[in-house]
Amino acid sequence: MSDSGYIGRFAPSPTGRLHIGSLLAALASYADARAHGGRWLLRMEDLDPPREMPGAADDILHTLETFGFAWDGEVVYQSRRHHLYRAALDALIAGQAAYPCFCSRKAWHERARQGVDGFVYDGLCARGGNEKAGITPAWRLRVPDEIIGFDDRIVGHYQQNLARDIGDFVLLRADGFWAYQLAVVVDDAEQGVNHIVRGQDLLVSTPRQLYLQRCLGYAQPSYAHLPLLVNRQGQKWSKQTLAPALDLSVREQLLRQVIGWLGLPDAPQVGKPQDLLDWAVGNWRLERVPKNEIVTEPG
């Protein structure tokens, strides 16, 4: 296959070291991009300093290089792109798509009902009259009472009614930190990313991102949401569930595990990890990737 217009990306957060779930997402996004003759970008999503681990960003880069990954262009750091997010928010405010919210988390949670991804904001501040002097507001996006859906390359069709299932969501937090939904949409558009391969934990966020793209006049990328690696209790392997950091002394073994989970055939013996990546690219077929979560106990 050859499609020089393909631009993909891998976007880890430096809240800890890479684990086996990170490796699966990195390999799948890399293989899909390279198999299409496309570019593979690397973005560090470092917008939440209280949650970040000192030295994690450099450790992530070192780990990826040690596994043989090579990205195109310079690494992009979200912490250096606040001006882009501010410009996008200003445009949404000017178009009356965003409004200030003075509600405390505790207060609006007490009034809220559960949706598909936490509590659904009741729209109190959207109606006006709740301004509070001396309080720094958050900024929310008004969402429509309509179905927002798309066809995922792995999962199939997925949709939400944003007003019913999500509610008006935050773009800029009251503490001054940018929300993930705004930053990722702005970054993908600014970098020209048109193919997104990532974990199914982010599937629930995609309709919000599609609507933000519409509001900002951005093109809609293609999406492929990968199956999650979960433990025996059904919990996603992550830093929160104590997924161990990747052991660089067994790189080939870990790559072979991930290659198998992604539905590729057994790889031949190779001389170095980079050879395994090249083999995965040459044998990549997205239709082989399973739709359902993968139960495993990483070592």
C-alpha atoms as a PDB file:
ATOM      1  CA  MET A   1       0.000   0.000   0.000  1.00  0.00           C
ATOM      2  CA  SER A   2       1.158   3.539  -0.629  1.00  0.00           C
ATOM      3  CA  ASP A   3      -0.557   6.625   0.679  1.00  0.00           C
ATOM      4  CA  SER A   4       1.863   9.460   1.256  1.00  0.00           C
ATOM      5  CA  GLY A   5      -0.963  11.606   2.639  1.00  0.00           C
ATOM      6  CA  TYR A   6      -1.299   9.427   5.742  1.00  0.00           C
ATOM      7  CA  ILE A   7      -0.220  11.157   8.978  1.00  0.00           C
ATOM      8  CA  GLY A   8      -0.513   9.198  12.224  1.00  0.00           C
ATOM      9  CA  ARG A   9       0.762   9.781  15.730  1.00  0.00           C
ATOM     10  CA  PHE A  10       1.539   8.330  19.143  1.00  0.00           C
ATOM     11  CA  ALA A  11       0.795  10.644  22.066  1.00  0.00           C
ATOM     12  CA  PRO A  12       1.835   9.366  25.508  1.00  0.00           C
ATOM     13  CA  SER A  13       1.432  11.295  28.763  1.00  0.00           C
ATOM     14  CA  PRO A  14       4.568  11.569  30.952  1.00  0.00           C
ATOM     15  CA  THR A  15       2.789  10.439  34.109  1.00  0.00           C
ATOM     16  CA  GLY A  16       5.018   7.357  34.330  1.00  0.00           C
ATOM     17  CA  ARG A  17       7.082   4.959  32.272  1.00  0.00           C
ATOM     18  CA  LEU A  18       5.680   3.075  29.280  1.00  0.00           C
ATOM     19  CA  HIS A  19       3.992  -0.271  30.012  1.00  0.00           C
ATOM     20  CA  ILE A  20       2.781  -3.143  27.849  1.00  0.00           C
ATOM     21  CA  GLY A  21      -0.467  -1.357  26.894  1.00  0.00           C
ATOM     22  CA  SER A  22       1.577   1.621  25.713  1.00  0.00           C
ATOM     23  CA  LEU A  23       3.722  -0.687  23.597  1.00  0.00           C
ATOM     24  CA  LEU A  24       0.641  -2.181  21.931  1.00  0.00           C
ATOM     25  CA  ALA A  25      -0.680   1.287  21.018  1.00  0.00           C
ATOM     26  CA  ALA A  26       2.729   2.449  19.809  1.00  0.00           C
ATOM     27  CA  LEU A  27       3.297  -0.608  17.632  1.00  0.00           C
ATOM     28  CA  ALA A  28      -0.189  -0.564  16.105  1.00  0.00           C
ATOM     29  CA  SER A  29      -0.125   3.151  15.285  1.00  0.00           C
ATOM     30  CA  TYR A  30       3.425   2.846  13.912  1.00  0.00           C
ATOM     31  CA  ALA A  31       2.659  -0.220  11.796  1.00  0.00           C
ATOM     32  CA  ASP A  32      -0.529   1.266  10.360  1.00  0.00           C
ATOM     33  CA  ALA A  33       1.253   4.491   9.409  1.00  0.00           C
ATOM     34  CA  ARG A  34       4.298   2.821   7.874  1.00  0.00           C
ATOM     35  CA  ALA A  35       2.232   0.182   6.062  1.00  0.00           C
ATOM     36  CA  HIS A  36       0.443   3.048   4.295  1.00  0.00           C
ATOM     37  CA  GLY A  37       3.732   4.771   3.431  1.00  0.00           C
ATOM     38  CA  GLY A  38       2.766   7.495   5.895  1.00  0.00           C
ATOM     39  CA  ARG A  39       4.359   9.641   8.584  1.00  0.00           C
ATOM     40  CA  TRP A  40       4.346   8.747  12.303  1.00  0.00           C
ATOM     41  CA  LEU A  41       4.543  11.689  14.694  1.00  0.00           C
ATOM     42  CA  LEU A  42       5.326  11.712  18.398  1.00  0.00           C
ATOM     43  CA  ARG A  43       3.570  14.103  20.765  1.00  0.00           C
ATOM     44  CA  MET A  44       4.121  14.399  24.507  1.00  0.00           C
ATOM     45  CA  GLU A  45       0.819  15.214  26.226  1.00  0.00           C
ATOM     46  CA  ASP A  46       2.295  17.071  29.196  1.00  0.00           C
ATOM     47  CA  LEU A  47      -0.531  19.416  30.167  1.00  0.00           C
ATOM     48  CA  ASP A  48      -1.157  18.229  33.733  1.00  0.00           C
ATOM     49  CA  PRO A  49       2.020  18.941  35.760  1.00  0.00           C
ATOM     50  CA  PRO A  50       0.612  17.712  39.113  1.00  0.00           C
ATOM     51  CA  ARG A  51       0.234  14.206  37.617  1.00  0.00           C
ATOM     52  CA  GLU A  52       3.532  14.085  35.742  1.00  0.00           C
ATOM     53  CA  MET A  53       6.536  12.085  36.906  1.00  0.00           C
ATOM     54  CA  PRO A  54       9.909  13.865  36.800  1.00  0.00           C
ATOM     55  CA  GLY A  55      12.030  12.451  34.003  1.00  0.00           C
ATOM     56  CA  ALA A  56       9.171  10.439  32.479  1.00  0.00           C
ATOM     57  CA  ALA A  57       9.182  12.279  29.133  1.00  0.00           C
ATOM     58  CA  ASP A  58      12.865  11.550  28.528  1.00  0.00           C
ATOM     59  CA  ASP A  59      12.405   7.956  29.694  1.00  0.00           C
ATOM     60  CA  ILE A  60       9.549   7.462  27.212  1.00  0.00           C
ATOM     61  CA  LEU A  61      11.692   8.719  24.336  1.00  0.00           C
ATOM     62  CA  HIS A  62      14.587   6.483  25.370  1.00  0.00           C
ATOM     63  CA  THR A  63      12.294   3.450  25.652  1.00  0.00           C
ATOM     64  CA  LEU A  64      10.792   3.992  22.205  1.00  0.00           C
ATOM     65  CA  GLU A  65      14.225   4.372  20.652  1.00  0.00           C
ATOM     66  CA  THR A  66      15.466   1.236  22.403  1.00  0.00           C
ATOM     67  CA  PHE A  67      12.561  -0.740  20.922  1.00  0.00           C
ATOM     68  CA  GLY A  68      13.520   0.529  17.466  1.00  0.00           C
ATOM     69  CA  PHE A  69      10.791   3.126  16.879  1.00  0.00           C
ATOM     70  CA  ALA A  70      11.729   6.103  14.688  1.00  0.00           C
ATOM     71  CA  TRP A  71       9.364   9.056  14.464  1.00  0.00           C
ATOM     72  CA  ASP A  72       9.138  11.784  11.837  1.00  0.00           C
ATOM     73  CA  GLY A  73      10.046  15.357  12.700  1.00  0.00           C
ATOM     74  CA  GLU A  74      10.600  16.810  16.132  1.00  0.00           C
ATOM     75  CA  VAL A  75       8.744  15.685  19.248  1.00  0.00           C
ATOM     76  CA  VAL A  76       5.875  18.066  20.012  1.00  0.00           C
ATOM     77  CA  TYR A  77       5.231  19.035  23.647  1.00  0.00           C
ATOM     78  CA  GLN A  78       1.754  20.249  24.541  1.00  0.00           C
ATOM     79  CA  SER A  79       3.189  22.359  27.371  1.00  0.00           C
ATOM     80  CA  ARG A  80       4.710  24.627  24.686  1.00  0.00           C
ATOM     81  CA  ARG A  81       1.463  25.121  22.746  1.00  0.00           C
ATOM     82  CA  HIS A  82      -0.781  27.064  25.122  1.00  0.00           C
ATOM     83  CA  HIS A  83      -1.165  29.853  22.559  1.00  0.00           C
ATOM     84  CA  LEU A  84      -2.839  27.442  20.124  1.00  0.00           C
ATOM     85  CA  TYR A  85      -5.368  26.278  22.706  1.00  0.00           C
ATOM     86  CA  ARG A  86      -6.093  29.862  23.761  1.00  0.00           C
ATOM     87  CA  ALA A  87      -6.728  30.878  20.146  1.00  0.00           C
ATOM     88  CA  ALA A  88      -9.141  27.969  19.684  1.00  0.00           C
ATOM     89  CA  LEU A  89     -10.999  28.772  22.904  1.00  0.00           C
ATOM     90  CA  ASP A  90     -11.227  32.463  21.948  1.00  0.00           C
ATOM     91  CA  ALA A  91     -12.753  31.476  18.609  1.00  0.00           C
ATOM     92  CA  LEU A  92     -15.338  29.285  20.346  1.00  0.00           C
ATOM     93  CA  ILE A  93     -16.184  32.080  22.792  1.00  0.00           C
ATOM     94  CA  ALA A  94     -16.531  34.591  19.955  1.00  0.00           C
ATOM     95  CA  GLY A  95     -18.933  32.204  18.242  1.00  0.00           C
ATOM     96  CA  GLN A  96     -20.914  31.762  21.487  1.00  0.00           C
ATOM     97  CA  ALA A  97     -20.142  28.048  21.444  1.00  0.00           C
ATOM     98  CA  ALA A  98     -18.338  28.221  24.806  1.00  0.00           C
ATOM     99  CA  TYR A  99     -19.391  29.832  28.087  1.00  0.00           C
ATOM    100  CA  PRO A 100     -17.957  30.382  31.585  1.00  0.00           C
ATOM    101  CA  CYS A 101     -18.993  27.972  34.340  1.00  0.00           C
ATOM    102  CA  PHE A 102     -18.800  29.088  37.982  1.00  0.00           C
ATOM    103  CA  CYS A 103     -20.075  25.848  39.530  1.00  0.00           C
ATOM    104  CA  SER A 104     -17.829  23.994  41.952  1.00  0.00           C
ATOM    105  CA  ARG A 105     -17.303  20.320  41.176  1.00  0.00           C
ATOM    106  CA  LYS A 106     -19.047  19.336  44.416  1.00  0.00           C
ATOM    107  CA  ALA A 107     -22.079  21.530  43.733  1.00  0.00           C
ATOM    108  CA  TRP A 108     -22.782  20.410  40.193  1.00  0.00           C
ATOM    109  CA  HIS A 109     -22.085  16.744  40.960  1.00  0.00           C
ATOM    110  CA  GLU A 110     -24.811  16.888  43.615  1.00  0.00           C
ATOM    111  CA  ARG A 111     -27.310  18.021  40.957  1.00  0.00           C
ATOM    112  CA  ALA A 112     -26.094  15.729  38.175  1.00  0.00           C
ATOM    113  CA  ARG A 113     -27.055  12.336  36.818  1.00  0.00           C
ATOM    114  CA  GLN A 114     -24.705   9.671  35.490  1.00  0.00           C
ATOM    115  CA  GLY A 115     -23.885   9.550  31.791  1.00  0.00           C
ATOM    116  CA  VAL A 116     -21.639   7.309  29.728  1.00  0.00           C
ATOM    117  CA  ASP A 117     -18.430   8.931  30.990  1.00  0.00           C
ATOM    118  CA  GLY A 118     -19.164  10.287  34.451  1.00  0.00           C
ATOM    119  CA  PHE A 119     -21.652  12.931  35.538  1.00  0.00           C
ATOM    120  CA  VAL A 120     -23.650  14.948  32.990  1.00  0.00           C
ATOM    121  CA  TYR A 121     -23.481  18.700  33.616  1.00  0.00           C
ATOM    122  CA  ASP A 122     -26.961  20.186  33.999  1.00  0.00           C
ATOM    123  CA  GLY A 123     -26.290  23.391  32.059  1.00  0.00           C
ATOM    124  CA  LEU A 124     -26.911  25.830  34.930  1.00  0.00           C
ATOM    125  CA  CYS A 125     -24.287  28.352  33.821  1.00  0.00           C
ATOM    126  CA  ALA A 126     -25.305  28.018  30.162  1.00  0.00           C
ATOM    127  CA  ARG A 127     -28.578  29.681  31.138  1.00  0.00           C
ATOM    128  CA  GLY A 128     -26.757  32.631  32.752  1.00  0.00           C
ATOM    129  CA  GLY A 129     -27.277  34.326  36.089  1.00  0.00           C
ATOM    130  CA  ASN A 130     -24.800  32.190  38.046  1.00  0.00           C
ATOM    131  CA  GLU A 131     -21.803  34.525  37.808  1.00  0.00           C
ATOM    132  CA  LYS A 132     -19.770  34.791  41.003  1.00  0.00           C
ATOM    133  CA  ALA A 133     -17.449  37.715  41.665  1.00  0.00           C
ATOM    134  CA  GLY A 134     -13.891  36.782  42.492  1.00  0.00           C
ATOM    135  CA  ILE A 135     -14.292  33.238  41.161  1.00  0.00           C
ATOM    136  CA  THR A 136     -12.248  32.090  38.165  1.00  0.00           C
ATOM    137  CA  PRO A 137     -14.607  30.116  35.931  1.00  0.00           C
ATOM    138  CA  ALA A 138     -14.024  27.029  33.886  1.00  0.00           C
ATOM    139  CA  TRP A 139     -15.057  27.216  30.223  1.00  0.00           C
ATOM    140  CA  ARG A 140     -17.487  24.697  28.763  1.00  0.00           C
ATOM    141  CA  LEU A 141     -18.590  23.854  25.231  1.00  0.00           C
ATOM    142  CA  ARG A 142     -22.322  23.887  24.462  1.00  0.00           C
ATOM    143  CA  VAL A 143     -23.268  20.518  22.994  1.00  0.00           C
ATOM    144  CA  PRO A 144     -26.257  19.762  20.759  1.00  0.00           C
ATOM    145  CA  ASP A 145     -29.158  17.453  21.482  1.00  0.00           C
ATOM    146  CA  GLU A 146     -28.306  15.267  18.524  1.00  0.00           C
ATOM    147  CA  ILE A 147     -26.530  12.039  17.650  1.00  0.00           C
ATOM    148  CA  ILE A 148     -22.817  12.367  16.889  1.00  0.00           C
ATOM    149  CA  GLY A 149     -21.428   9.159  15.393  1.00  0.00           C
ATOM    150  CA  PHE A 150     -18.679   7.737  13.219  1.00  0.00           C
ATOM    151  CA  ASP A 151     -17.460   4.461  11.729  1.00  0.00           C
ATOM    152  CA  ASP A 152     -14.407   3.162  13.559  1.00  0.00           C
ATOM    153  CA  ARG A 153     -11.995   0.996  11.554  1.00  0.00           C
ATOM    154  CA  ILE A 154     -11.928  -1.655  14.312  1.00  0.00           C
ATOM    155  CA  VAL A 155     -15.032  -1.238  16.482  1.00  0.00           C
ATOM    156  CA  GLY A 156     -17.516  -0.353  13.760  1.00  0.00           C
ATOM    157  CA  HIS A 157     -20.203   2.294  14.192  1.00  0.00           C
ATOM    158  CA  TYR A 158     -20.227   4.214  17.476  1.00  0.00           C
ATOM    159  CA  GLN A 159     -22.432   7.138  18.484  1.00  0.00           C
ATOM    160  CA  GLN A 160     -23.639   9.281  21.368  1.00  0.00           C
ATOM    161  CA  ASN A 161     -26.248  11.934  22.006  1.00  0.00           C
ATOM    162  CA  LEU A 162     -23.909  14.512  23.509  1.00  0.00           C
ATOM    163  CA  ALA A 163     -26.570  16.435  25.433  1.00  0.00           C
ATOM    164  CA  ARG A 164     -27.983  13.283  27.009  1.00  0.00           C
ATOM    165  CA  ASP A 165     -24.860  11.144  27.392  1.00  0.00           C
ATOM    166  CA  ILE A 166     -22.096  13.684  28.096  1.00  0.00           C
ATOM    167  CA  GLY A 167     -23.385  17.218  28.695  1.00  0.00           C
ATOM    168  CA  ASP A 168     -21.560  20.500  28.113  1.00  0.00           C
ATOM    169  CA  PHE A 169     -17.916  19.601  28.719  1.00  0.00           C
ATOM    170  CA  VAL A 170     -14.910  21.523  29.995  1.00  0.00           C
ATOM    171  CA  LEU A 171     -12.347  23.080  27.638  1.00  0.00           C
ATOM    172  CA  LEU A 172     -10.352  25.063  30.206  1.00  0.00           C
ATOM    173  CA  ARG A 173     -10.419  24.097  33.862  1.00  0.00           C
ATOM    174  CA  ALA A 174     -10.912  26.666  36.623  1.00  0.00           C
ATOM    175  CA  ASP A 175      -7.377  25.943  37.847  1.00  0.00           C
ATOM    176  CA  GLY A 176      -5.997  27.136  34.512  1.00  0.00           C
ATOM    177  CA  PHE A 177      -5.153  23.728  33.002  1.00  0.00           C
ATOM    178  CA  TRP A 178      -6.344  22.933  29.482  1.00  0.00           C
ATOM    179  CA  ALA A 179      -8.720  20.010  29.105  1.00  0.00           C
ATOM    180  CA  TYR A 180      -7.592  16.973  27.113  1.00  0.00           C
ATOM    181  CA  GLN A 181     -10.499  17.205  24.663  1.00  0.00           C
ATOM    182  CA  LEU A 182      -9.580  20.671  23.404  1.00  0.00           C
ATOM    183  CA  ALA A 183      -5.812  20.139  23.338  1.00  0.00           C
ATOM    184  CA  VAL A 184      -5.919  16.864  21.416  1.00  0.00           C
ATOM    185  CA  VAL A 185      -8.299  18.223  18.784  1.00  0.00           C
ATOM    186  CA  VAL A 186      -6.246  21.373  18.247  1.00  0.00           C
ATOM    187  CA  ASP A 187      -2.960  19.446  18.104  1.00  0.00           C
ATOM    188  CA  ASP A 188      -4.186  16.814  15.667  1.00  0.00           C
ATOM    189  CA  ALA A 189      -5.537  19.502  13.339  1.00  0.00           C
ATOM    190  CA  GLU A 190      -2.440  21.696  13.584  1.00  0.00           C
ATOM    191  CA  GLN A 191      -0.129  18.730  12.925  1.00  0.00           C
ATOM    192  CA  GLY A 192      -2.253  17.481  10.017  1.00  0.00           C
ATOM    193  CA  VAL A 193      -2.990  14.140  11.703  1.00  0.00           C
ATOM    194  CA  ASN A 194      -5.632  12.354   9.637  1.00  0.00           C
ATOM    195  CA  HIS A 195      -5.409   8.781  10.979  1.00  0.00           C
ATOM    196  CA  ILE A 196      -5.685   8.102  14.710  1.00  0.00           C
ATOM    197  CA  VAL A 197      -4.930   4.648  16.112  1.00  0.00           C
ATOM    198  CA  ARG A 198      -5.367   4.514  19.902  1.00  0.00           C
ATOM    199  CA  GLY A 199      -6.915   2.505  22.747  1.00  0.00           C
ATOM    200  CA  GLN A 200     -10.618   1.833  23.221  1.00  0.00           C
ATOM    201  CA  ASP A 201     -10.536   3.698  26.540  1.00  0.00           C
ATOM    202  CA  LEU A 202     -10.674   6.839  24.374  1.00  0.00           C
ATOM    203  CA  LEU A 203     -13.599   5.664  22.227  1.00  0.00           C
ATOM    204  CA  VAL A 204     -16.049   7.397  24.572  1.00  0.00           C
ATOM    205  CA  SER A 205     -14.228  10.712  24.017  1.00  0.00           C
ATOM    206  CA  THR A 206     -14.409  10.610  20.236  1.00  0.00           C
ATOM    207  CA  PRO A 207     -17.912  12.099  19.703  1.00  0.00           C
ATOM    208  CA  ARG A 208     -16.876  15.106  21.812  1.00  0.00           C
ATOM    209  CA  GLN A 209     -13.798  15.505  19.650  1.00  0.00           C
ATOM    210  CA  LEU A 210     -15.831  15.172  16.448  1.00  0.00           C
ATOM    211  CA  TYR A 211     -18.145  17.953  17.594  1.00  0.00           C
ATOM    212  CA  LEU A 212     -15.211  20.171  18.567  1.00  0.00           C
ATOM    213  CA  GLN A 213     -13.726  19.588  15.116  1.00  0.00           C
ATOM    214  CA  ARG A 214     -17.012  20.711  13.583  1.00  0.00           C
ATOM    215  CA  CYS A 215     -17.145  23.842  15.747  1.00  0.00           C
ATOM    216  CA  LEU A 216     -13.568  24.796  14.864  1.00  0.00           C
ATOM    217  CA  GLY A 217     -13.878  23.986  11.169  1.00  0.00           C
ATOM    218  CA  TYR A 218     -11.360  21.129  11.261  1.00  0.00           C
ATOM    219  CA  ALA A 219     -11.356  18.055   9.043  1.00  0.00           C
ATOM    220  CA  GLN A 220     -12.396  14.770  10.672  1.00  0.00           C
ATOM    221  CA  PRO A 221      -9.629  12.148  10.943  1.00  0.00           C
ATOM    222  CA  SER A 222     -10.087   8.418  10.499  1.00  0.00           C
ATOM    223  CA  TYR A 223     -10.196   6.504  13.798  1.00  0.00           C
ATOM    224  CA  ALA A 224      -9.210   2.984  14.841  1.00  0.00           C
ATOM    225  CA  HIS A 225      -9.650   2.105  18.521  1.00  0.00           C
ATOM    226  CA  LEU A 226      -7.527  -0.794  19.698  1.00  0.00           C
ATOM    227  CA  PRO A 227      -8.603  -3.508  22.158  1.00  0.00           C
ATOM    228  CA  LEU A 228      -7.466  -2.888  25.709  1.00  0.00           C
ATOM    229  CA  LEU A 229      -5.200  -5.159  27.703  1.00  0.00           C
ATOM    230  CA  VAL A 230      -6.989  -5.953  30.968  1.00  0.00           C
ATOM    231  CA  ASN A 231      -6.174  -7.974  34.082  1.00  0.00           C
ATOM    232  CA  ARG A 232      -8.218 -10.865  35.451  1.00  0.00           C
ATOM    233  CA  GLN A 233     -10.513  -8.389  37.222  1.00  0.00           C
ATOM    234  CA  GLY A 234     -11.312  -6.674  33.914  1.00  0.00           C
ATOM    235  CA  GLN A 235      -9.272  -3.556  34.760  1.00  0.00           C
ATOM    236  CA  LYS A 236      -7.263  -1.879  32.026  1.00  0.00           C
ATOM    237  CA  TRP A 237      -3.536  -2.274  32.489  1.00  0.00           C
ATOM    238  CA  SER A 238      -2.307   1.214  33.298  1.00  0.00           C
ATOM    239  CA  LYS A 239      -0.190   3.111  35.757  1.00  0.00           C
ATOM    240  CA  GLN A 240      -3.230   3.237  38.072  1.00  0.00           C
ATOM    241  CA  THR A 241      -3.548  -0.574  38.089  1.00  0.00           C
ATOM    242  CA  LEU A 242       0.208  -0.946  38.668  1.00  0.00           C
ATOM    243  CA  ALA A 243       1.155  -2.175  35.211  1.00  0.00           C
ATOM    244  CA  PRO A 244       4.916  -2.737  35.370  1.00  0.00           C
ATOM    245  CA  ALA A 245       7.232  -0.602  33.254  1.00  0.00           C
ATOM    246  CA  LEU A 246       8.585  -2.259  30.123  1.00  0.00           C
ATOM    247  CA  ASP A 247      11.651  -4.390  30.790  1.00  0.00           C
ATOM    248  CA  LEU A 248      14.175  -3.314  28.158  1.00  0.00           C
ATOM    249  CA  SER A 249      16.192  -6.508  28.641  1.00  0.00           C
ATOM    250  CA  VAL A 250      13.412  -8.586  27.027  1.00  0.00           C
ATOM    251  CA  ARG A 251      12.435  -6.269  24.172  1.00  0.00           C
ATOM    252  CA  GLU A 252      12.053  -8.991  21.578  1.00  0.00           C
ATOM    253  CA  GLN A 253       9.836 -11.093  23.849  1.00  0.00           C
ATOM    254  CA  LEU A 254       7.563  -8.122  24.565  1.00  0.00           C
ATOM    255  CA  LEU A 255       7.302  -7.182  20.893  1.00  0.00           C
ATOM    256  CA  ARG A 256       6.390 -10.752  19.996  1.00  0.00           C
ATOM    257  CA  GLN A 257       3.661 -10.731  22.654  1.00  0.00           C
ATOM    258  CA  VAL A 258       2.154  -7.546  21.265  1.00  0.00           C
ATOM    259  CA  ILE A 259       2.458  -8.743  17.666  1.00  0.00           C
ATOM    260  CA  GLY A 260       0.451 -11.841  18.617  1.00  0.00           C
ATOM    261  CA  TRP A 261      -2.233  -9.864  20.431  1.00  0.00           C
ATOM    262  CA  LEU A 262      -2.672  -7.667  17.344  1.00  0.00           C
ATOM    263  CA  GLY A 263      -3.512 -10.698  15.211  1.00  0.00           C
ATOM    264  CA  LEU A 264      -0.280 -10.939  13.243  1.00  0.00           C
ATOM    265  CA  PRO A 265       1.222 -14.372  12.474  1.00  0.00           C
ATOM    266  CA  ASP A 266       4.308 -15.621  14.308  1.00  0.00           C
ATOM    267  CA  ALA A 267       7.354 -13.578  13.357  1.00  0.00           C
ATOM    268  CA  PRO A 268      10.600 -15.218  12.243  1.00  0.00           C
ATOM    269  CA  GLN A 269      13.831 -15.022  14.194  1.00  0.00           C
ATOM    270  CA  VAL A 270      15.476 -11.630  13.837  1.00  0.00           C
ATOM    271  CA  GLY A 271      18.699  -9.903  14.773  1.00  0.00           C
ATOM    272  CA  LYS A 272      17.323  -6.842  16.586  1.00  0.00           C
ATOM    273  CA  PRO A 273      14.003  -5.266  17.684  1.00  0.00           C
ATOM    274  CA  GLN A 274      13.939  -2.950  14.667  1.00  0.00           C
ATOM    275  CA  ASP A 275      13.748  -6.027  12.427  1.00  0.00           C
ATOM    276  CA  LEU A 276      10.584  -7.123  14.275  1.00  0.00           C
ATOM    277  CA  LEU A 277       9.023  -3.716  13.731  1.00  0.00           C
ATOM    278  CA  ASP A 278       9.863  -3.896  10.027  1.00  0.00           C
ATOM    279  CA  TRP A 279       8.344  -7.378   9.850  1.00  0.00           C
ATOM    280  CA  ALA A 280       5.166  -6.138  11.599  1.00  0.00           C
ATOM    281  CA  VAL A 281       4.849  -3.296   9.077  1.00  0.00           C
ATOM    282  CA  GLY A 282       5.233  -5.694   6.157  1.00  0.00           C
ATOM    283  CA  ASN A 283       2.580  -8.052   7.540  1.00  0.00           C
ATOM    284  CA  TRP A 284       0.199  -5.474   8.988  1.00  0.00           C
ATOM    285  CA  ARG A 285      -3.527  -6.003   8.434  1.00  0.00           C
ATOM    286  CA  LEU A 286      -5.841  -3.887  10.572  1.00  0.00           C
ATOM    287  CA  GLU A 287      -8.734  -6.265   9.918  1.00  0.00           C
ATOM    288  CA  ARG A 288      -6.888  -8.924  11.933  1.00  0.00           C
ATOM    289  CA  VAL A 289      -6.880  -6.809  15.087  1.00  0.00           C
ATOM    290  CA  PRO A 290      -9.447  -8.172  17.572  1.00  0.00           C
ATOM    291  CA  LYS A 291     -12.346  -5.955  18.652  1.00  0.00           C
ATOM    292  CA  ASN A 292     -12.654  -7.218  22.210  1.00  0.00           C
ATOM    293  CA  GLU A 293     -10.407  -6.659  25.211  1.00  0.00           C
ATOM    294  CA  ILE A 294      -7.446  -8.969  25.767  1.00  0.00           C
ATOM    295  CA  VAL A 295      -7.097 -10.568  29.204  1.00  0.00           C
ATOM    296  CA  THR A 296      -3.476 -10.959  30.249  1.00  0.00           C
ATOM    297  CA  GLU A 297      -1.133 -10.765  33.191  1.00  0.00           C
ATOM    298  CA  PRO A 298       1.933  -8.810  32.050  1.00  0.00           C
ATOM    299  CA  GLY A 299       5.258  -9.953  33.411  1.00  0.00           C
END
